[in-house]
Amino acid sequence: LKFPPQSTSEEMEQWNDEWTITHLSSDAVTGIAHEIDVLENLGILKINQNGSIVLAQGWQRRVPHMILNEMKDAWGSDTNNLHCIHEKITSLEDAWQHDEDEWRFESDGLDDDDDVVYEDDEYELRRQIFLENYDAFVNSRKGVGEFGI
């Protein structure tokens, strides 16, 4: 990027702010830009024309199984909001129901084909496969990564 010729101090400050945000959100520093990109591709977030990030319409239906489990195990029953989760996000508790072995999102319509069901057994299998693959990756990169050497 090139600075505009004869930039004013206000323009230079704006460029500095944009570079700072770009740097801090980069994968090399925090990875926030990647996280936003993933959530946008999942249809959970939407970036408005003015660049602001908002929850997309129908976002609750597209929340991954992992987030629902995190809600159940950690911040879902947080009545004092110690985890600082916005009330729009905690509304997931009303949208999704957890039975013995599955999460169910029931659509407002009469068609059961619109319902979304995540089975806990399938999630645990995917989680186990991911952990095994990750352990193998770490061991191949570090030699004996599982021992912390």
Protein backbone atom coordinates (compact mmCIF):
# COMPACT_ATOMS: atom_id res chain seq x y z
CA LEU A 1 0.00 0.00 0.00
CA LYS A 2 1.12 3.52 -0.72
CA PHE A 3 0.29 6.56 1.28
CA PRO A 4 -1.57 9.23 -0.66
CA PRO A 5 0.72 12.10 -1.74
CA GLN A 6 0.85 14.96 0.75
CA SER A 7 -1.18 13.20 3.41
CA THR A 8 -2.55 15.29 6.26
CA SER A 9 -1.91 14.26 9.85
CA GLU A 10 -5.54 13.11 10.10
CA GLU A 11 -5.12 10.85 7.06
CA MET A 12 -1.83 9.53 8.44
CA GLU A 13 -3.53 8.75 11.76
CA GLN A 14 -6.28 6.84 9.92
CA TRP A 15 -3.66 4.86 7.98
CA ASN A 16 -1.85 4.12 11.23
CA ASP A 17 -5.10 2.89 12.83
CA GLU A 18 -5.86 0.66 9.84
CA TRP A 19 -2.36 -0.83 9.87
CA THR A 20 -2.59 -1.44 13.63
CA ILE A 21 -5.94 -3.21 13.29
CA THR A 22 -4.67 -5.26 10.35
CA HIS A 23 -1.58 -6.29 12.29
CA LEU A 24 -3.39 -7.13 15.54
CA SER A 25 -6.09 -9.16 13.81
CA SER A 26 -3.64 -11.09 11.62
CA ASP A 27 -3.04 -14.83 11.98
CA ALA A 28 0.49 -14.09 13.10
CA VAL A 29 -0.72 -12.18 16.17
CA THR A 30 -4.24 -13.12 17.32
CA GLY A 31 -5.97 -14.87 14.42
CA ILE A 32 -9.15 -12.87 14.95
CA ALA A 33 -9.44 -12.15 11.23
CA HIS A 34 -9.42 -15.88 10.50
CA GLU A 35 -12.04 -16.56 13.18
CA ILE A 36 -14.30 -13.87 11.76
CA ASP A 37 -13.83 -15.31 8.27
CA VAL A 38 -14.78 -18.81 9.46
CA LEU A 39 -17.87 -17.56 11.32
CA GLU A 40 -18.90 -15.56 8.25
CA ASN A 41 -18.51 -18.62 6.01
CA LEU A 42 -20.63 -20.65 8.45
CA GLY A 43 -23.38 -18.05 8.10
CA ILE A 44 -23.18 -16.97 11.73
CA LEU A 45 -21.69 -13.53 11.16
CA LYS A 46 -22.35 -10.99 8.44
CA ILE A 47 -20.24 -7.99 7.50
CA ASN A 48 -22.38 -4.97 6.66
CA GLN A 49 -21.56 -2.52 3.87
CA ASN A 50 -20.09 -0.14 6.44
CA GLY A 51 -17.74 -2.89 7.67
CA SER A 52 -19.47 -3.60 10.98
CA ILE A 53 -19.83 -7.23 12.04
CA VAL A 54 -23.28 -8.43 13.10
CA LEU A 55 -25.01 -11.75 13.70
CA ALA A 56 -26.55 -13.04 10.47
CA GLN A 57 -30.25 -13.71 10.26
CA GLY A 58 -30.94 -17.30 11.35
CA TRP A 59 -27.47 -17.62 12.93
CA GLN A 60 -28.75 -19.77 15.80
CA ARG A 61 -29.61 -22.61 13.43
CA ARG A 62 -26.02 -22.74 12.08
CA VAL A 63 -24.13 -22.82 15.38
CA PRO A 64 -21.66 -25.76 15.46
CA HIS A 65 -22.07 -28.66 17.86
CA MET A 66 -18.89 -27.64 19.69
CA ILE A 67 -20.38 -24.27 20.71
CA LEU A 68 -23.52 -25.96 22.02
CA ASN A 69 -21.43 -28.32 24.16
CA GLU A 70 -19.40 -25.38 25.44
CA MET A 71 -22.65 -23.63 26.36
CA LYS A 72 -23.90 -26.71 28.20
CA ASP A 73 -20.64 -27.34 30.05
CA ALA A 74 -19.42 -23.83 30.81
CA TRP A 75 -21.36 -20.65 30.25
CA GLY A 76 -24.94 -21.75 29.66
CA SER A 77 -26.08 -21.73 33.26
CA ASP A 78 -24.03 -18.64 34.16
CA THR A 79 -26.74 -16.63 35.93
CA ASN A 80 -24.27 -13.95 37.08
CA ASN A 81 -22.71 -13.66 33.60
CA LEU A 82 -19.20 -14.30 34.87
CA HIS A 83 -18.15 -15.35 31.36
CA CYS A 84 -19.41 -12.04 29.88
CA ILE A 85 -21.50 -13.69 27.17
CA HIS A 86 -23.93 -11.32 25.44
CA GLU A 87 -27.62 -12.10 25.91
CA LYS A 88 -28.07 -12.60 22.16
CA ILE A 89 -25.60 -15.47 22.36
CA THR A 90 -27.14 -16.94 25.51
CA SER A 91 -30.45 -17.07 23.63
CA LEU A 92 -29.08 -20.31 22.17
CA GLU A 93 -30.35 -22.01 25.33
CA ASP A 94 -33.90 -21.26 24.21
CA ALA A 95 -33.34 -22.20 20.56
CA TRP A 96 -31.62 -25.55 21.10
CA GLN A 97 -32.77 -28.41 23.31
CA HIS A 98 -30.39 -31.05 24.63
CA ASP A 99 -31.77 -34.52 25.30
CA GLU A 100 -29.81 -37.52 26.53
CA ASP A 101 -27.61 -37.86 23.48
CA GLU A 102 -28.40 -35.12 20.99
CA TRP A 103 -28.96 -31.42 20.38
CA ARG A 104 -32.14 -30.47 18.53
CA PHE A 105 -33.08 -27.19 16.86
CA GLU A 106 -36.74 -27.24 15.98
CA SER A 107 -37.80 -24.91 13.23
CA ASP A 108 -40.93 -22.80 13.60
CA GLY A 109 -42.49 -24.46 10.59
CA LEU A 110 -44.49 -27.68 10.55
CA ASP A 111 -41.94 -29.49 8.38
CA ASP A 112 -39.65 -31.75 10.46
CA ASP A 113 -37.15 -31.73 7.58
CA ASP A 114 -36.14 -28.21 8.65
CA ASP A 115 -35.12 -29.41 12.11
CA VAL A 116 -31.41 -29.72 12.86
CA VAL A 117 -30.11 -32.57 15.02
CA TYR A 118 -26.54 -33.05 16.23
CA GLU A 119 -25.82 -36.43 17.79
CA ASP A 120 -23.33 -36.45 20.65
CA ASP A 121 -21.83 -39.81 19.59
CA GLU A 122 -20.95 -38.40 16.17
CA TYR A 123 -19.39 -35.33 17.79
CA GLU A 124 -17.30 -37.46 20.16
CA LEU A 125 -16.08 -39.59 17.25
CA ARG A 126 -15.06 -36.49 15.26
CA ARG A 127 -13.41 -34.99 18.35
CA GLN A 128 -11.43 -38.20 18.98
CA ILE A 129 -10.28 -38.36 15.35
CA PHE A 130 -9.20 -34.70 15.49
CA LEU A 131 -7.26 -35.24 18.73
CA GLU A 132 -5.51 -38.31 17.34
CA ASN A 133 -4.58 -36.47 14.14
CA TYR A 134 -3.38 -33.46 16.12
CA ASP A 135 -1.26 -35.64 18.42
CA ALA A 136 0.27 -37.34 15.36
CA PHE A 137 1.00 -33.94 13.81
CA VAL A 138 2.66 -32.63 16.98
CA ASN A 139 4.69 -35.81 17.38
CA SER A 140 5.90 -35.63 13.80
CA ARG A 141 6.89 -31.97 14.15
CA LYS A 142 8.55 -32.19 17.56
CA GLY A 143 9.64 -35.81 17.59
CA VAL A 144 8.36 -36.70 21.02
CA GLY A 145 5.73 -34.00 21.43
CA GLU A 146 3.48 -36.07 23.66
CA PHE A 147 6.18 -36.00 26.35
CA GLY A 148 6.62 -32.24 26.18
CA ILE A 149 10.24 -32.40 25.03
